[in-house]
Amino acid sequence: MITGLIYDIMKMLKRGYIILIAGGVITVAGIVISATAAGSLAGQFLQENTIIGQTLVRPSGTINASLQIDDNSRPLTVALRYEPESANITLRETVIDPFGRIINTNEFSKDFFTTFKANTVGKFTLTILNQGSNPVNVDGIFGYMPFVGENNQVNLSPLNSILTGISLFIIGIIAMAVGIVFAIIDRRRENRRQPPLTR
């Protein structure tokens, strides 16, 4: 009975409207999948990273950022930038493991990015030292980058769901456009088939 009802409804609708409705459903599905995946990725990023936001570091001053590491199979990332950039400003970043050992240290005088493996789990501390003669504002990230996998290989799997959603969205838009074209064609054919009015 339900199948017959669906068949009757499909028969009443023209192909253009059917394609239009299907395109709309696919478009909405794509939006929902993309939004859900993006929200999940953003939540994971915030949970696994310490964000340093526009923090003032005076000459010979330091700032610290700590991060709890529970998985040392993935590489850690330090990404830093500072303003204003100047030739007489040098910063040093140092990462210390839970036992007080230095596992990563670098000097830099421009935007900085590095990855390295943690040797254990526990609380790690990033220290940024301003070795220059002027104060700077530092911002950056200390933690796991979603797209950096084991052995520093690029890992795009976190984007799979987002890309699927975007693909469905594009397919849905195309289907809706095709549905509109078919609806216009069907409407014109119907108008041509109508017999002339007789008095």
N, C-alpha and C. Protein backbone atom coordinates (compact mmCIF):
# COMPACT_ATOMS: atom_id res chain seq x y z
N MET A 1 0.83 -1.21 0.00
CA MET A 1 0.00 0.00 0.00
C MET A 1 0.86 1.26 0.00
N ILE A 2 1.89 1.25 0.89
CA ILE A 2 2.79 2.41 0.96
C ILE A 2 3.56 2.56 -0.34
N THR A 3 3.98 1.40 -0.91
CA THR A 3 4.72 1.44 -2.17
C THR A 3 3.85 2.01 -3.28
N GLY A 4 2.60 1.63 -3.30
CA GLY A 4 1.69 2.17 -4.31
C GLY A 4 1.47 3.65 -4.15
N LEU A 5 1.41 4.12 -2.88
CA LEU A 5 1.23 5.55 -2.62
C LEU A 5 2.45 6.33 -3.11
N ILE A 6 3.63 5.79 -2.83
CA ILE A 6 4.86 6.45 -3.29
C ILE A 6 4.90 6.50 -4.81
N TYR A 7 4.49 5.39 -5.43
CA TYR A 7 4.47 5.34 -6.90
C TYR A 7 3.52 6.40 -7.47
N ASP A 8 2.34 6.55 -6.83
CA ASP A 8 1.37 7.56 -7.30
C ASP A 8 1.92 8.97 -7.16
N ILE A 9 2.61 9.22 -6.03
CA ILE A 9 3.20 10.55 -5.82
C ILE A 9 4.27 10.83 -6.85
N MET A 10 5.13 9.82 -7.10
CA MET A 10 6.20 9.98 -8.09
C MET A 10 5.63 10.21 -9.48
N LYS A 11 4.49 9.56 -9.76
CA LYS A 11 3.87 9.71 -11.07
C LYS A 11 3.32 11.12 -11.24
N MET A 12 2.78 11.67 -10.13
CA MET A 12 2.21 13.02 -10.19
C MET A 12 3.31 14.07 -10.38
N LEU A 13 4.45 13.83 -9.77
CA LEU A 13 5.54 14.80 -9.89
C LEU A 13 6.26 14.61 -11.22
N LYS A 14 6.68 15.69 -11.79
CA LYS A 14 7.46 15.64 -13.02
C LYS A 14 8.91 15.36 -12.68
N ARG A 15 9.68 14.86 -13.67
CA ARG A 15 11.07 14.47 -13.42
C ARG A 15 11.90 15.64 -12.90
N GLY A 16 11.63 16.85 -13.40
CA GLY A 16 12.39 18.01 -12.95
C GLY A 16 12.23 18.26 -11.47
N TYR A 17 11.01 18.13 -10.97
CA TYR A 17 10.77 18.35 -9.54
C TYR A 17 11.38 17.24 -8.70
N ILE A 18 11.36 16.01 -9.22
CA ILE A 18 11.97 14.89 -8.49
C ILE A 18 13.47 15.13 -8.34
N ILE A 19 14.13 15.51 -9.43
CA ILE A 19 15.56 15.79 -9.39
C ILE A 19 15.85 16.98 -8.48
N LEU A 20 14.99 17.98 -8.52
CA LEU A 20 15.15 19.18 -7.68
C LEU A 20 15.07 18.81 -6.21
N ILE A 21 14.09 18.00 -5.83
CA ILE A 21 13.94 17.58 -4.43
C ILE A 21 15.13 16.73 -4.00
N ALA A 22 15.54 15.78 -4.87
CA ALA A 22 16.70 14.93 -4.55
C ALA A 22 17.95 15.78 -4.37
N GLY A 23 18.13 16.77 -5.23
CA GLY A 23 19.28 17.67 -5.11
C GLY A 23 19.27 18.45 -3.81
N GLY A 24 18.07 18.89 -3.43
CA GLY A 24 17.95 19.62 -2.16
C GLY A 24 18.31 18.75 -0.97
N VAL A 25 17.85 17.49 -0.98
CA VAL A 25 18.17 16.55 0.10
C VAL A 25 19.67 16.29 0.17
N ILE A 26 20.30 16.08 -0.99
CA ILE A 26 21.75 15.83 -1.03
C ILE A 26 22.52 17.06 -0.54
N THR A 27 22.07 18.25 -0.94
CA THR A 27 22.73 19.49 -0.51
C THR A 27 22.68 19.64 1.00
N VAL A 28 21.51 19.42 1.59
CA VAL A 28 21.37 19.52 3.05
C VAL A 28 22.23 18.48 3.75
N ALA A 29 22.25 17.25 3.20
CA ALA A 29 23.10 16.20 3.79
C ALA A 29 24.56 16.61 3.76
N GLY A 30 25.00 17.20 2.65
CA GLY A 30 26.39 17.65 2.55
C GLY A 30 26.72 18.72 3.57
N ILE A 31 25.80 19.66 3.78
CA ILE A 31 26.02 20.73 4.77
C ILE A 31 26.12 20.14 6.17
N VAL A 32 25.22 19.23 6.50
CA VAL A 32 25.21 18.62 7.83
C VAL A 32 26.49 17.83 8.09
N ILE A 33 26.91 17.02 7.11
CA ILE A 33 28.12 16.21 7.27
C ILE A 33 29.35 17.10 7.42
N SER A 34 29.46 18.14 6.58
CA SER A 34 30.62 19.04 6.66
C SER A 34 30.67 19.78 7.99
N ALA A 35 29.51 20.30 8.43
CA ALA A 35 29.46 21.06 9.68
C ALA A 35 29.80 20.17 10.87
N THR A 36 29.27 18.96 10.88
CA THR A 36 29.56 18.03 11.98
C THR A 36 31.03 17.66 12.02
N ALA A 37 31.60 17.35 10.85
CA ALA A 37 33.01 16.96 10.79
C ALA A 37 33.92 18.13 11.17
N ALA A 38 33.59 19.34 10.69
CA ALA A 38 34.41 20.51 11.02
C ALA A 38 34.35 20.81 12.51
N GLY A 39 33.16 20.69 13.11
CA GLY A 39 33.03 20.91 14.54
C GLY A 39 33.83 19.91 15.35
N SER A 40 33.80 18.65 14.92
CA SER A 40 34.56 17.60 15.61
C SER A 40 36.06 17.84 15.50
N LEU A 41 36.51 18.24 14.29
CA LEU A 41 37.93 18.51 14.07
C LEU A 41 38.40 19.70 14.91
N ALA A 42 37.57 20.75 14.96
CA ALA A 42 37.92 21.93 15.76
C ALA A 42 37.99 21.59 17.24
N GLY A 43 37.03 20.78 17.71
CA GLY A 43 37.04 20.37 19.11
C GLY A 43 38.27 19.56 19.46
N GLN A 44 38.64 18.64 18.58
CA GLN A 44 39.84 17.82 18.79
C GLN A 44 41.09 18.70 18.80
N PHE A 45 41.14 19.68 17.88
CA PHE A 45 42.30 20.57 17.80
C PHE A 45 42.47 21.36 19.10
N LEU A 46 41.36 21.91 19.62
CA LEU A 46 41.43 22.70 20.85
C LEU A 46 41.79 21.84 22.05
N GLN A 47 41.35 20.59 22.04
CA GLN A 47 41.62 19.69 23.15
C GLN A 47 43.07 19.23 23.17
N GLU A 48 43.69 19.08 22.00
CA GLU A 48 45.04 18.52 21.91
C GLU A 48 46.14 19.57 21.81
N ASN A 49 45.79 20.85 21.88
CA ASN A 49 46.79 21.90 21.70
C ASN A 49 46.67 22.97 22.77
N THR A 50 47.80 23.61 23.04
CA THR A 50 47.82 24.80 23.86
C THR A 50 48.01 25.99 22.92
N ILE A 51 47.08 26.93 22.99
CA ILE A 51 47.11 28.09 22.12
C ILE A 51 47.76 29.25 22.86
N ILE A 52 48.75 29.85 22.23
CA ILE A 52 49.40 31.04 22.78
C ILE A 52 48.88 32.23 21.98
N GLY A 53 48.18 33.13 22.63
CA GLY A 53 47.54 34.23 21.90
C GLY A 53 48.08 35.60 22.27
N GLN A 54 48.83 36.21 21.36
CA GLN A 54 49.30 37.59 21.49
C GLN A 54 49.78 37.89 22.92
N THR A 55 50.82 37.16 23.34
CA THR A 55 51.36 37.33 24.69
C THR A 55 52.63 38.18 24.62
N LEU A 56 52.69 39.22 25.45
CA LEU A 56 53.85 40.12 25.47
C LEU A 56 55.03 39.45 26.16
N VAL A 57 56.20 39.49 25.48
CA VAL A 57 57.44 38.98 26.07
C VAL A 57 58.46 40.11 26.03
N ARG A 58 58.84 40.57 27.20
CA ARG A 58 59.79 41.67 27.29
C ARG A 58 61.23 41.17 27.07
N PRO A 59 62.18 42.07 26.80
CA PRO A 59 63.58 41.64 26.64
C PRO A 59 64.06 40.85 27.85
N SER A 60 64.70 39.73 27.58
CA SER A 60 65.18 38.78 28.59
C SER A 60 64.05 38.12 29.37
N GLY A 61 62.81 38.35 28.94
CA GLY A 61 61.67 37.74 29.61
C GLY A 61 61.28 36.42 28.96
N THR A 62 60.48 35.65 29.67
CA THR A 62 60.03 34.36 29.16
C THR A 62 58.53 34.20 29.36
N ILE A 63 57.94 33.32 28.56
CA ILE A 63 56.58 32.84 28.79
C ILE A 63 56.61 31.32 28.71
N ASN A 64 55.70 30.70 29.43
CA ASN A 64 55.62 29.24 29.45
C ASN A 64 54.24 28.77 29.00
N ALA A 65 54.22 27.63 28.34
CA ALA A 65 52.97 26.97 27.98
C ALA A 65 53.14 25.49 28.26
N SER A 66 52.16 24.90 28.92
CA SER A 66 52.26 23.48 29.27
C SER A 66 51.25 22.66 28.49
N LEU A 67 51.57 21.38 28.31
CA LEU A 67 50.70 20.48 27.54
C LEU A 67 50.81 19.08 28.12
N GLN A 68 49.66 18.47 28.38
CA GLN A 68 49.63 17.09 28.86
C GLN A 68 49.65 16.15 27.66
N ILE A 69 50.66 15.29 27.60
CA ILE A 69 50.82 14.34 26.50
C ILE A 69 50.44 12.94 26.97
N ASP A 70 49.46 12.35 26.30
CA ASP A 70 49.04 10.98 26.63
C ASP A 70 49.36 10.00 25.51
N ASP A 71 49.83 10.51 24.37
CA ASP A 71 50.14 9.65 23.22
C ASP A 71 51.43 10.16 22.59
N ASN A 72 52.52 9.41 22.79
CA ASN A 72 53.80 9.87 22.25
C ASN A 72 54.15 9.21 20.92
N SER A 73 53.15 8.60 20.26
CA SER A 73 53.40 8.03 18.94
C SER A 73 53.29 9.08 17.84
N ARG A 74 52.61 10.17 18.12
CA ARG A 74 52.46 11.25 17.14
C ARG A 74 53.46 12.35 17.43
N PRO A 75 53.96 13.04 16.40
CA PRO A 75 54.92 14.11 16.64
C PRO A 75 54.26 15.35 17.23
N LEU A 76 54.99 16.01 18.10
CA LEU A 76 54.54 17.29 18.66
C LEU A 76 54.94 18.41 17.72
N THR A 77 54.18 19.49 17.77
CA THR A 77 54.45 20.64 16.91
C THR A 77 54.57 21.90 17.74
N VAL A 78 55.54 22.72 17.38
CA VAL A 78 55.63 24.08 17.91
C VAL A 78 55.59 25.01 16.70
N ALA A 79 54.58 25.88 16.66
CA ALA A 79 54.44 26.87 15.58
C ALA A 79 54.29 28.24 16.24
N LEU A 80 55.24 29.14 15.94
CA LEU A 80 55.27 30.44 16.61
C LEU A 80 55.47 31.56 15.60
N ARG A 81 54.87 32.69 15.92
CA ARG A 81 55.13 33.93 15.17
C ARG A 81 55.13 35.08 16.17
N TYR A 82 55.81 36.17 15.80
CA TYR A 82 55.82 37.31 16.72
C TYR A 82 55.81 38.62 15.95
N GLU A 83 55.40 39.65 16.63
CA GLU A 83 55.35 41.01 16.07
C GLU A 83 55.94 41.97 17.09
N PRO A 84 56.60 43.02 16.66
CA PRO A 84 57.02 43.26 15.27
C PRO A 84 58.28 42.47 14.96
N GLU A 85 58.41 42.02 13.71
CA GLU A 85 59.64 41.35 13.29
C GLU A 85 60.74 42.38 13.14
N SER A 86 61.92 42.03 13.64
CA SER A 86 63.03 42.97 13.60
C SER A 86 64.33 42.19 13.52
N ALA A 87 65.34 42.82 12.91
CA ALA A 87 66.63 42.14 12.73
C ALA A 87 67.34 41.93 14.06
N ASN A 88 67.06 42.77 15.06
CA ASN A 88 67.77 42.65 16.33
C ASN A 88 66.96 41.88 17.39
N ILE A 89 65.98 41.09 16.94
CA ILE A 89 65.19 40.27 17.87
C ILE A 89 65.42 38.80 17.55
N THR A 90 65.83 38.06 18.56
CA THR A 90 65.98 36.61 18.44
C THR A 90 65.24 35.97 19.62
N LEU A 91 64.45 34.97 19.30
CA LEU A 91 63.75 34.24 20.34
C LEU A 91 64.31 32.82 20.43
N ARG A 92 64.17 32.21 21.59
CA ARG A 92 64.56 30.82 21.78
C ARG A 92 63.38 30.05 22.35
N GLU A 93 63.09 28.92 21.71
CA GLU A 93 62.06 28.03 22.27
C GLU A 93 62.73 26.80 22.83
N THR A 94 62.24 26.36 23.98
CA THR A 94 62.77 25.17 24.63
C THR A 94 61.61 24.33 25.15
N VAL A 95 61.64 23.05 24.84
CA VAL A 95 60.62 22.13 25.34
C VAL A 95 61.27 21.19 26.33
N ILE A 96 60.64 21.09 27.51
CA ILE A 96 61.17 20.26 28.59
C ILE A 96 60.17 19.16 28.89
N ASP A 97 60.67 17.93 29.06
CA ASP A 97 59.78 16.80 29.33
C ASP A 97 59.43 16.75 30.83
N PRO A 98 58.58 15.80 31.24
CA PRO A 98 58.16 15.76 32.65
C PRO A 98 59.31 15.54 33.65
N PHE A 99 60.47 15.07 33.16
CA PHE A 99 61.60 14.81 34.05
C PHE A 99 62.62 15.95 34.03
N GLY A 100 62.27 17.06 33.37
CA GLY A 100 63.15 18.22 33.35
C GLY A 100 64.21 18.19 32.28
N ARG A 101 64.13 17.21 31.36
CA ARG A 101 65.13 17.11 30.29
C ARG A 101 64.70 17.94 29.09
N ILE A 102 65.66 18.62 28.45
CA ILE A 102 65.39 19.40 27.24
C ILE A 102 65.30 18.42 26.06
N ILE A 103 64.17 18.41 25.37
CA ILE A 103 64.03 17.50 24.23
C ILE A 103 63.98 18.26 22.90
N ASN A 104 63.86 19.58 22.97
CA ASN A 104 63.85 20.37 21.74
C ASN A 104 64.18 21.81 22.09
N THR A 105 65.10 22.42 21.34
CA THR A 105 65.40 23.83 21.55
C THR A 105 65.91 24.43 20.25
N ASN A 106 65.47 25.65 19.96
CA ASN A 106 65.84 26.33 18.72
C ASN A 106 65.83 27.84 18.93
N GLU A 107 66.74 28.52 18.23
CA GLU A 107 66.68 29.98 18.15
C GLU A 107 66.06 30.35 16.81
N PHE A 108 65.27 31.44 16.80
CA PHE A 108 64.66 31.87 15.55
C PHE A 108 64.44 33.38 15.58
N SER A 109 64.49 33.96 14.38
CA SER A 109 64.29 35.42 14.25
C SER A 109 63.19 35.73 13.23
N LYS A 110 62.39 34.74 12.90
CA LYS A 110 61.22 34.93 12.04
C LYS A 110 60.21 33.84 12.39
N ASP A 111 59.10 33.77 11.66
CA ASP A 111 58.09 32.75 11.95
C ASP A 111 58.75 31.38 12.04
N PHE A 112 58.30 30.59 13.02
CA PHE A 112 59.00 29.36 13.35
C PHE A 112 58.03 28.18 13.38
N PHE A 113 58.47 27.03 12.83
CA PHE A 113 57.67 25.80 12.84
C PHE A 113 58.60 24.61 12.95
N THR A 114 58.30 23.71 13.89
CA THR A 114 59.09 22.50 14.02
C THR A 114 58.22 21.38 14.55
N THR A 115 58.61 20.15 14.24
CA THR A 115 57.96 18.97 14.81
C THR A 115 59.03 18.06 15.40
N PHE A 116 58.66 17.31 16.43
CA PHE A 116 59.59 16.40 17.07
C PHE A 116 58.79 15.36 17.84
N LYS A 117 59.45 14.25 18.19
CA LYS A 117 58.78 13.17 18.92
C LYS A 117 58.98 13.36 20.42
N ALA A 118 57.90 13.15 21.15
CA ALA A 118 58.00 13.14 22.61
C ALA A 118 58.59 11.80 23.04
N ASN A 119 59.46 11.83 24.04
CA ASN A 119 60.14 10.61 24.48
C ASN A 119 59.35 9.84 25.53
N THR A 120 58.30 10.45 26.05
CA THR A 120 57.50 9.82 27.10
C THR A 120 56.14 10.51 27.15
N VAL A 121 55.31 10.12 28.08
CA VAL A 121 54.04 10.81 28.29
C VAL A 121 54.12 11.62 29.58
N GLY A 122 53.22 12.57 29.72
CA GLY A 122 53.22 13.42 30.91
C GLY A 122 53.08 14.88 30.54
N LYS A 123 53.44 15.75 31.46
CA LYS A 123 53.30 17.19 31.26
C LYS A 123 54.59 17.76 30.66
N PHE A 124 54.46 18.37 29.49
CA PHE A 124 55.58 19.01 28.81
C PHE A 124 55.43 20.52 28.90
N THR A 125 56.57 21.21 28.97
CA THR A 125 56.55 22.67 29.11
C THR A 125 57.33 23.31 27.98
N LEU A 126 56.70 24.25 27.32
CA LEU A 126 57.36 25.06 26.29
C LEU A 126 57.71 26.41 26.91
N THR A 127 58.98 26.80 26.80
CA THR A 127 59.43 28.11 27.28
C THR A 127 59.93 28.92 26.10
N ILE A 128 59.46 30.17 26.01
CA ILE A 128 59.91 31.08 24.95
C ILE A 128 60.65 32.23 25.60
N LEU A 129 61.91 32.40 25.21
CA LEU A 129 62.77 33.44 25.77
C LEU A 129 63.03 34.51 24.72
N ASN A 130 62.83 35.76 25.10
CA ASN A 130 63.13 36.89 24.22
C ASN A 130 64.58 37.30 24.45
N GLN A 131 65.45 36.98 23.49
CA GLN A 131 66.87 37.31 23.61
C GLN A 131 67.21 38.65 22.98
N GLY A 132 66.18 39.34 22.44
CA GLY A 132 66.41 40.63 21.80
C GLY A 132 66.33 41.78 22.80
N SER A 133 66.37 43.00 22.24
CA SER A 133 66.36 44.20 23.09
C SER A 133 65.02 44.93 23.06
N ASN A 134 64.05 44.38 22.34
CA ASN A 134 62.73 44.99 22.26
C ASN A 134 61.65 43.99 22.66
N PRO A 135 60.55 44.48 23.24
CA PRO A 135 59.45 43.57 23.57
C PRO A 135 58.74 43.10 22.30
N VAL A 136 58.18 41.90 22.34
CA VAL A 136 57.46 41.35 21.20
C VAL A 136 56.16 40.70 21.69
N ASN A 137 55.20 40.62 20.80
CA ASN A 137 53.97 39.88 21.05
C ASN A 137 54.07 38.54 20.33
N VAL A 138 53.94 37.47 21.09
CA VAL A 138 54.10 36.12 20.54
C VAL A 138 52.74 35.43 20.52
N ASP A 139 52.45 34.74 19.42
CA ASP A 139 51.31 33.83 19.40
C ASP A 139 51.72 32.56 18.68
N GLY A 140 51.00 31.48 18.96
CA GLY A 140 51.37 30.22 18.34
C GLY A 140 50.60 29.04 18.90
N ILE A 141 51.10 27.86 18.57
CA ILE A 141 50.46 26.60 18.93
C ILE A 141 51.52 25.63 19.45
N PHE A 142 51.17 24.93 20.49
CA PHE A 142 52.04 23.88 21.04
C PHE A 142 51.17 22.63 21.22
N GLY A 143 51.47 21.57 20.43
CA GLY A 143 50.66 20.37 20.54
C GLY A 143 50.69 19.52 19.28
N TYR A 144 49.53 18.96 18.96
CA TYR A 144 49.41 18.08 17.80
C TYR A 144 48.73 18.81 16.65
N MET A 145 49.37 18.80 15.48
CA MET A 145 48.71 19.32 14.29
C MET A 145 47.92 18.18 13.67
N PRO A 146 46.64 18.40 13.32
CA PRO A 146 45.81 17.31 12.81
C PRO A 146 46.33 16.67 11.53
N PHE A 147 47.09 17.41 10.73
CA PHE A 147 47.50 16.91 9.42
C PHE A 147 48.92 16.37 9.40
N VAL A 148 49.55 16.28 10.58
CA VAL A 148 50.90 15.72 10.67
C VAL A 148 50.80 14.39 11.41
N GLY A 149 51.10 13.29 10.69
CA GLY A 149 51.01 11.97 11.28
C GLY A 149 52.35 11.46 11.74
N GLU A 150 52.44 10.14 11.93
CA GLU A 150 53.69 9.53 12.36
C GLU A 150 54.78 9.76 11.32
N ASN A 151 56.02 9.89 11.80
CA ASN A 151 57.20 10.15 10.95
C ASN A 151 57.04 11.42 10.12
N ASN A 152 56.27 12.38 10.65
CA ASN A 152 56.06 13.69 10.01
C ASN A 152 55.43 13.59 8.63
N GLN A 153 54.71 12.51 8.38
CA GLN A 153 54.01 12.35 7.10
C GLN A 153 52.72 13.15 7.12
N VAL A 154 52.38 13.73 5.98
CA VAL A 154 51.12 14.46 5.87
C VAL A 154 49.96 13.47 5.96
N ASN A 155 49.03 13.76 6.86
CA ASN A 155 47.89 12.87 7.09
C ASN A 155 46.60 13.66 6.85
N LEU A 156 45.94 13.38 5.73
CA LEU A 156 44.73 14.11 5.36
C LEU A 156 43.45 13.38 5.77
N SER A 157 43.58 12.26 6.49
CA SER A 157 42.37 11.52 6.86
C SER A 157 41.40 12.32 7.72
N PRO A 158 41.85 13.28 8.57
CA PRO A 158 40.87 14.07 9.31
C PRO A 158 39.95 14.90 8.41
N LEU A 159 40.38 15.11 7.15
CA LEU A 159 39.57 15.91 6.23
C LEU A 159 38.58 15.07 5.43
N ASN A 160 38.63 13.75 5.55
CA ASN A 160 37.79 12.89 4.71
C ASN A 160 36.31 13.22 4.83
N SER A 161 35.81 13.33 6.05
CA SER A 161 34.39 13.61 6.25
C SER A 161 34.01 14.98 5.72
N ILE A 162 34.89 15.96 5.93
CA ILE A 162 34.60 17.32 5.43
C ILE A 162 34.56 17.32 3.91
N LEU A 163 35.52 16.63 3.28
CA LEU A 163 35.55 16.56 1.82
C LEU A 163 34.34 15.82 1.27
N THR A 164 33.90 14.77 1.99
CA THR A 164 32.69 14.05 1.58
C THR A 164 31.48 14.97 1.61
N GLY A 165 31.37 15.74 2.69
CA GLY A 165 30.26 16.68 2.81
C GLY A 165 30.27 17.74 1.72
N ILE A 166 31.46 18.26 1.42
CA ILE A 166 31.59 19.28 0.37
C ILE A 166 31.22 18.69 -0.99
N SER A 167 31.66 17.44 -1.23
CA SER A 167 31.32 16.77 -2.50
C SER A 167 29.81 16.59 -2.64
N LEU A 168 29.16 16.15 -1.57
CA LEU A 168 27.71 15.98 -1.61
C LEU A 168 27.01 17.32 -1.84
N PHE A 169 27.53 18.36 -1.21
CA PHE A 169 26.95 19.70 -1.40
C PHE A 169 27.02 20.12 -2.86
N ILE A 170 28.20 19.92 -3.48
CA ILE A 170 28.37 20.30 -4.89
C ILE A 170 27.46 19.46 -5.78
N ILE A 171 27.41 18.14 -5.53
CA ILE A 171 26.53 17.27 -6.31
C ILE A 171 25.08 17.70 -6.17
N GLY A 172 24.68 18.05 -4.95
CA GLY A 172 23.31 18.49 -4.70
C GLY A 172 22.98 19.77 -5.45
N ILE A 173 23.90 20.72 -5.47
CA ILE A 173 23.68 21.98 -6.20
C ILE A 173 23.52 21.71 -7.69
N ILE A 174 24.40 20.85 -8.22
CA ILE A 174 24.32 20.50 -9.65
C ILE A 174 22.99 19.82 -9.96
N ALA A 175 22.58 18.88 -9.08
CA ALA A 175 21.30 18.19 -9.28
C ALA A 175 20.14 19.16 -9.24
N MET A 176 20.19 20.13 -8.35
CA MET A 176 19.11 21.13 -8.29
C MET A 176 19.06 21.96 -9.57
N ALA A 177 20.23 22.32 -10.08
CA ALA A 177 20.27 23.10 -11.33
C ALA A 177 19.70 22.27 -12.48
N VAL A 178 20.07 20.98 -12.54
CA VAL A 178 19.53 20.10 -13.58
C VAL A 178 18.03 19.96 -13.42
N GLY A 179 17.57 19.82 -12.16
CA GLY A 179 16.14 19.71 -11.90
C GLY A 179 15.37 20.93 -12.38
N ILE A 180 15.92 22.11 -12.18
CA ILE A 180 15.27 23.34 -12.64
C ILE A 180 15.17 23.36 -14.16
N VAL A 181 16.25 22.95 -14.82
CA VAL A 181 16.25 22.91 -16.30
C VAL A 181 15.18 21.94 -16.80
N PHE A 182 15.12 20.73 -16.22
CA PHE A 182 14.11 19.76 -16.64
C PHE A 182 12.70 20.25 -16.34
N ALA A 183 12.52 20.92 -15.22
CA ALA A 183 11.18 21.44 -14.88
C ALA A 183 10.73 22.47 -15.92
N ILE A 184 11.65 23.33 -16.35
CA ILE A 184 11.31 24.34 -17.37
C ILE A 184 10.99 23.66 -18.70
N ILE A 185 11.80 22.65 -19.07
CA ILE A 185 11.56 21.93 -20.33
C ILE A 185 10.21 21.24 -20.29
N ASP A 186 9.90 20.55 -19.17
CA ASP A 186 8.62 19.85 -19.06
C ASP A 186 7.45 20.82 -19.11
N ARG A 187 7.61 21.96 -18.47
CA ARG A 187 6.53 22.96 -18.47
C ARG A 187 6.27 23.47 -19.88
N ARG A 188 7.32 23.71 -20.65
CA ARG A 188 7.16 24.19 -22.03
C ARG A 188 6.49 23.12 -22.91
N ARG A 189 6.87 21.85 -22.70
CA ARG A 189 6.24 20.78 -23.46
C ARG A 189 4.74 20.68 -23.15
N GLU A 190 4.40 20.84 -21.87
CA GLU A 190 2.98 20.79 -21.50
C GLU A 190 2.21 21.93 -22.15
N ASN A 191 2.80 23.10 -22.17
CA ASN A 191 2.12 24.26 -22.78
C ASN A 191 1.91 24.05 -24.27
N ARG A 192 2.86 23.37 -24.93
CA ARG A 192 2.71 23.11 -26.36
C ARG A 192 1.62 22.08 -26.64
N ARG A 193 1.44 21.14 -25.71
CA ARG A 193 0.47 20.07 -25.92
C ARG A 193 -0.98 20.51 -25.66
N GLN A 194 -1.15 21.58 -24.93
CA GLN A 194 -2.51 22.01 -24.61
C GLN A 194 -3.27 22.37 -25.88
N PRO A 195 -4.50 21.81 -26.05
CA PRO A 195 -5.27 22.12 -27.25
C PRO A 195 -5.76 23.56 -27.25
N PRO A 196 -5.93 24.15 -28.42
CA PRO A 196 -6.43 25.53 -28.47
C PRO A 196 -7.86 25.60 -27.94
N LEU A 197 -8.16 26.71 -27.30
CA LEU A 197 -9.52 26.91 -26.75
C LEU A 197 -10.52 27.10 -27.90
N THR A 198 -11.69 26.42 -27.80
CA THR A 198 -12.76 26.56 -28.82
C THR A 198 -13.95 27.28 -28.22
N ARG A 199 -14.56 28.06 -29.05
CA ARG A 199 -15.75 28.81 -28.60
C ARG A 199 -17.01 28.04 -28.95
